[in-house]
Amino acid sequence: PYQHFVAAVFRAVETKRPLIRCANTGISAYIDEFGKIKSATALNEKTILTVDVKLSANPRKTFYTNYGNAFIFLCMGMLTFLIFKKW
């Protein structure tokens, strides 16, 4: 559950959007677009979280939301080129 929660923080940052995470037995939380955890529960805690989420009519787009995994494929291509260049 902790690893899934940390991954949710990264998803909020890479998309620059607030994230509300709901989990039955894990960690439920509200994470803002900068990765700050505004409100969170403990494991197996039964509670109700009420938060005010600011949504933008025109959200900023990040490199990841525009191009997805293009950067990863570019790095993999460059690495493959460098490996075969040495041979």
N, C-alpha and C. Protein backbone atom coordinates (compact mmCIF):
# COMPACT_ATOMS: atom_id res chain seq x y z
N PRO A 1 0.81 -1.22 0.00
CA PRO A 1 0.00 0.00 0.00
C PRO A 1 0.84 1.28 0.00
N TYR A 2 1.98 1.23 0.65
CA TYR A 2 2.82 2.43 0.69
C TYR A 2 3.41 2.73 -0.69
N GLN A 3 3.79 1.70 -1.41
CA GLN A 3 4.36 1.89 -2.74
C GLN A 3 3.31 2.45 -3.71
N HIS A 4 2.09 1.97 -3.63
CA HIS A 4 1.02 2.49 -4.48
C HIS A 4 0.73 3.96 -4.14
N PHE A 5 0.80 4.28 -2.88
CA PHE A 5 0.55 5.66 -2.46
C PHE A 5 1.64 6.60 -2.99
N VAL A 6 2.90 6.19 -2.91
CA VAL A 6 4.00 7.01 -3.41
C VAL A 6 3.89 7.18 -4.92
N ALA A 7 3.47 6.11 -5.62
CA ALA A 7 3.29 6.21 -7.07
C ALA A 7 2.21 7.22 -7.41
N ALA A 8 1.17 7.32 -6.59
CA ALA A 8 0.11 8.29 -6.83
C ALA A 8 0.64 9.72 -6.72
N VAL A 9 1.56 9.95 -5.81
CA VAL A 9 2.16 11.28 -5.67
C VAL A 9 2.89 11.65 -6.96
N PHE A 10 3.65 10.71 -7.52
CA PHE A 10 4.36 10.97 -8.77
C PHE A 10 3.40 11.22 -9.93
N ARG A 11 2.28 10.51 -9.97
CA ARG A 11 1.29 10.73 -11.05
C ARG A 11 0.72 12.14 -10.96
N ALA A 12 0.48 12.64 -9.77
CA ALA A 12 -0.04 13.99 -9.62
C ALA A 12 0.97 15.02 -10.12
N VAL A 13 2.24 14.81 -9.80
CA VAL A 13 3.28 15.75 -10.21
C VAL A 13 3.51 15.71 -11.71
N GLU A 14 3.58 14.51 -12.29
CA GLU A 14 3.90 14.43 -13.72
C GLU A 14 2.76 14.91 -14.61
N THR A 15 1.54 14.93 -14.12
CA THR A 15 0.42 15.45 -14.91
C THR A 15 0.00 16.85 -14.48
N LYS A 16 0.58 17.35 -13.39
CA LYS A 16 0.24 18.68 -12.84
C LYS A 16 -1.26 18.83 -12.59
N ARG A 17 -1.84 17.77 -12.02
CA ARG A 17 -3.27 17.80 -11.69
C ARG A 17 -3.47 17.26 -10.28
N PRO A 18 -4.43 17.80 -9.55
CA PRO A 18 -4.70 17.25 -8.22
C PRO A 18 -5.21 15.81 -8.35
N LEU A 19 -4.96 15.01 -7.33
CA LEU A 19 -5.32 13.61 -7.37
C LEU A 19 -6.03 13.23 -6.08
N ILE A 20 -7.14 12.54 -6.22
CA ILE A 20 -7.85 12.00 -5.07
C ILE A 20 -7.76 10.50 -5.16
N ARG A 21 -7.16 9.89 -4.16
CA ARG A 21 -6.95 8.45 -4.16
C ARG A 21 -7.84 7.82 -3.09
N CYS A 22 -8.65 6.86 -3.52
CA CYS A 22 -9.54 6.15 -2.61
C CYS A 22 -9.13 4.69 -2.55
N ALA A 23 -8.96 4.16 -1.35
CA ALA A 23 -8.56 2.77 -1.18
C ALA A 23 -9.39 2.15 -0.06
N ASN A 24 -9.81 0.91 -0.27
CA ASN A 24 -10.60 0.23 0.76
C ASN A 24 -9.79 -0.06 2.01
N THR A 25 -8.60 -0.63 1.84
CA THR A 25 -7.77 -0.96 3.00
C THR A 25 -6.41 -0.28 2.95
N GLY A 26 -6.15 0.50 1.92
CA GLY A 26 -4.87 1.19 1.79
C GLY A 26 -4.95 2.61 2.30
N ILE A 27 -4.19 3.48 1.69
CA ILE A 27 -4.13 4.87 2.10
C ILE A 27 -4.96 5.70 1.14
N SER A 28 -5.99 6.35 1.63
CA SER A 28 -6.78 7.28 0.84
C SER A 28 -6.22 8.67 1.09
N ALA A 29 -6.21 9.51 0.05
CA ALA A 29 -5.58 10.81 0.22
C ALA A 29 -6.00 11.80 -0.85
N TYR A 30 -5.74 13.06 -0.55
CA TYR A 30 -5.85 14.14 -1.52
C TYR A 30 -4.45 14.70 -1.70
N ILE A 31 -3.97 14.71 -2.94
CA ILE A 31 -2.63 15.18 -3.28
C ILE A 31 -2.79 16.31 -4.28
N ASP A 32 -2.15 17.46 -4.02
CA ASP A 32 -2.29 18.57 -4.96
C ASP A 32 -1.36 18.37 -6.15
N GLU A 33 -1.42 19.30 -7.10
CA GLU A 33 -0.67 19.16 -8.35
C GLU A 33 0.84 19.28 -8.18
N PHE A 34 1.29 19.72 -7.01
CA PHE A 34 2.72 19.84 -6.73
C PHE A 34 3.25 18.65 -5.95
N GLY A 35 2.39 17.69 -5.65
CA GLY A 35 2.80 16.49 -4.92
C GLY A 35 2.70 16.62 -3.42
N LYS A 36 2.12 17.71 -2.94
CA LYS A 36 1.96 17.88 -1.49
C LYS A 36 0.74 17.09 -1.04
N ILE A 37 0.91 16.30 -0.01
CA ILE A 37 -0.18 15.50 0.53
C ILE A 37 -0.98 16.40 1.46
N LYS A 38 -2.17 16.77 1.03
CA LYS A 38 -3.00 17.70 1.80
C LYS A 38 -3.79 17.00 2.89
N SER A 39 -4.21 15.77 2.62
CA SER A 39 -5.00 15.01 3.58
C SER A 39 -4.82 13.53 3.28
N ALA A 40 -4.64 12.72 4.32
CA ALA A 40 -4.44 11.28 4.10
C ALA A 40 -4.95 10.50 5.30
N THR A 41 -5.27 9.23 5.05
CA THR A 41 -5.71 8.34 6.12
C THR A 41 -4.60 7.33 6.40
N ALA A 42 -4.75 6.63 7.49
CA ALA A 42 -3.82 5.54 7.82
C ALA A 42 -4.34 4.25 7.18
N LEU A 43 -3.55 3.21 7.26
CA LEU A 43 -3.98 1.91 6.75
C LEU A 43 -5.18 1.41 7.54
N ASN A 44 -6.15 0.85 6.83
CA ASN A 44 -7.36 0.25 7.43
C ASN A 44 -8.15 1.21 8.32
N GLU A 45 -8.01 2.49 8.12
CA GLU A 45 -8.74 3.48 8.91
C GLU A 45 -10.08 3.76 8.25
N LYS A 46 -11.15 3.66 9.01
CA LYS A 46 -12.48 3.97 8.49
C LYS A 46 -12.79 5.43 8.84
N THR A 47 -12.85 6.24 7.82
CA THR A 47 -13.10 7.67 8.02
C THR A 47 -13.64 8.27 6.73
N ILE A 48 -14.03 9.51 6.81
CA ILE A 48 -14.50 10.25 5.65
C ILE A 48 -13.61 11.48 5.50
N LEU A 49 -13.04 11.63 4.33
CA LEU A 49 -12.24 12.81 4.04
C LEU A 49 -13.08 13.77 3.20
N THR A 50 -13.13 15.00 3.60
CA THR A 50 -13.82 16.03 2.83
C THR A 50 -12.79 17.11 2.49
N VAL A 51 -12.61 17.33 1.19
CA VAL A 51 -11.61 18.30 0.75
C VAL A 51 -12.22 19.19 -0.33
N ASP A 52 -11.68 20.39 -0.45
CA ASP A 52 -12.04 21.30 -1.53
C ASP A 52 -10.94 21.20 -2.58
N VAL A 53 -11.32 20.77 -3.78
CA VAL A 53 -10.35 20.60 -4.86
C VAL A 53 -10.52 21.72 -5.86
N LYS A 54 -9.42 22.41 -6.13
CA LYS A 54 -9.43 23.51 -7.09
C LYS A 54 -9.14 22.93 -8.47
N LEU A 55 -10.11 23.01 -9.36
CA LEU A 55 -9.92 22.54 -10.72
C LEU A 55 -9.78 23.74 -11.65
N SER A 56 -8.86 23.63 -12.58
CA SER A 56 -8.61 24.72 -13.52
C SER A 56 -9.40 24.46 -14.80
N ALA A 57 -9.96 25.52 -15.36
CA ALA A 57 -10.69 25.39 -16.62
C ALA A 57 -9.73 25.11 -17.78
N ASN A 58 -8.52 25.61 -17.67
CA ASN A 58 -7.52 25.40 -18.70
C ASN A 58 -6.24 24.89 -18.02
N PRO A 59 -6.16 23.59 -17.71
CA PRO A 59 -4.99 23.09 -16.96
C PRO A 59 -3.71 23.15 -17.79
N ARG A 60 -2.61 23.38 -17.09
CA ARG A 60 -1.30 23.39 -17.75
C ARG A 60 -0.96 21.98 -18.18
N LYS A 61 -0.37 21.86 -19.33
CA LYS A 61 0.05 20.54 -19.82
C LYS A 61 1.54 20.39 -19.59
N THR A 62 1.92 19.22 -19.14
CA THR A 62 3.33 18.92 -18.94
C THR A 62 3.86 18.18 -20.16
N PHE A 63 5.16 18.00 -20.21
CA PHE A 63 5.76 17.24 -21.30
C PHE A 63 5.17 15.84 -21.35
N TYR A 64 4.97 15.23 -20.18
CA TYR A 64 4.44 13.87 -20.14
C TYR A 64 3.00 13.80 -20.65
N THR A 65 2.16 14.76 -20.30
CA THR A 65 0.78 14.71 -20.77
C THR A 65 0.69 15.01 -22.26
N ASN A 66 1.65 15.73 -22.81
CA ASN A 66 1.65 16.00 -24.25
C ASN A 66 2.21 14.84 -25.07
N TYR A 67 3.30 14.25 -24.60
CA TYR A 67 4.02 13.28 -25.42
C TYR A 67 4.08 11.87 -24.83
N GLY A 68 3.58 11.68 -23.63
CA GLY A 68 3.57 10.35 -23.04
C GLY A 68 4.96 9.79 -22.85
N ASN A 69 5.18 8.58 -23.33
CA ASN A 69 6.45 7.90 -23.13
C ASN A 69 7.47 8.17 -24.25
N ALA A 70 7.29 9.22 -25.02
CA ALA A 70 8.20 9.52 -26.12
C ALA A 70 9.63 9.72 -25.62
N PHE A 71 9.80 10.35 -24.48
CA PHE A 71 11.14 10.57 -23.93
C PHE A 71 11.82 9.25 -23.61
N ILE A 72 11.08 8.29 -23.07
CA ILE A 72 11.64 6.98 -22.73
C ILE A 72 12.09 6.28 -24.01
N PHE A 73 11.25 6.31 -25.05
CA PHE A 73 11.61 5.67 -26.31
C PHE A 73 12.83 6.33 -26.95
N LEU A 74 12.92 7.64 -26.83
CA LEU A 74 14.09 8.36 -27.34
C LEU A 74 15.35 7.92 -26.61
N CYS A 75 15.28 7.81 -25.29
CA CYS A 75 16.44 7.37 -24.51
C CYS A 75 16.83 5.93 -24.85
N MET A 76 15.83 5.07 -25.02
CA MET A 76 16.11 3.68 -25.37
C MET A 76 16.76 3.59 -26.76
N GLY A 77 16.30 4.40 -27.69
CA GLY A 77 16.89 4.42 -29.03
C GLY A 77 18.33 4.89 -29.00
N MET A 78 18.60 5.94 -28.22
CA MET A 78 19.96 6.44 -28.10
C MET A 78 20.87 5.41 -27.45
N LEU A 79 20.38 4.73 -26.42
CA LEU A 79 21.16 3.71 -25.75
C LEU A 79 21.47 2.55 -26.68
N THR A 80 20.48 2.12 -27.45
CA THR A 80 20.69 1.04 -28.42
C THR A 80 21.73 1.46 -29.46
N PHE A 81 21.63 2.68 -29.93
CA PHE A 81 22.60 3.19 -30.90
C PHE A 81 24.01 3.18 -30.32
N LEU A 82 24.17 3.64 -29.08
CA LEU A 82 25.49 3.69 -28.46
C LEU A 82 26.05 2.29 -28.22
N ILE A 83 25.19 1.34 -27.86
CA ILE A 83 25.67 -0.03 -27.64
C ILE A 83 26.17 -0.64 -28.94
N PHE A 84 25.40 -0.50 -30.02
CA PHE A 84 25.80 -1.10 -31.29
C PHE A 84 26.94 -0.34 -31.97
N LYS A 85 27.10 0.92 -31.63
CA LYS A 85 28.20 1.73 -32.18
C LYS A 85 29.54 1.21 -31.65
N LYS A 86 29.55 0.75 -30.40
CA LYS A 86 30.80 0.24 -29.80
C LYS A 86 31.22 -1.07 -30.42
N TRP A 87 30.28 -1.85 -30.96
CA TRP A 87 30.60 -3.17 -31.54
C TRP A 87 31.06 -2.97 -32.91
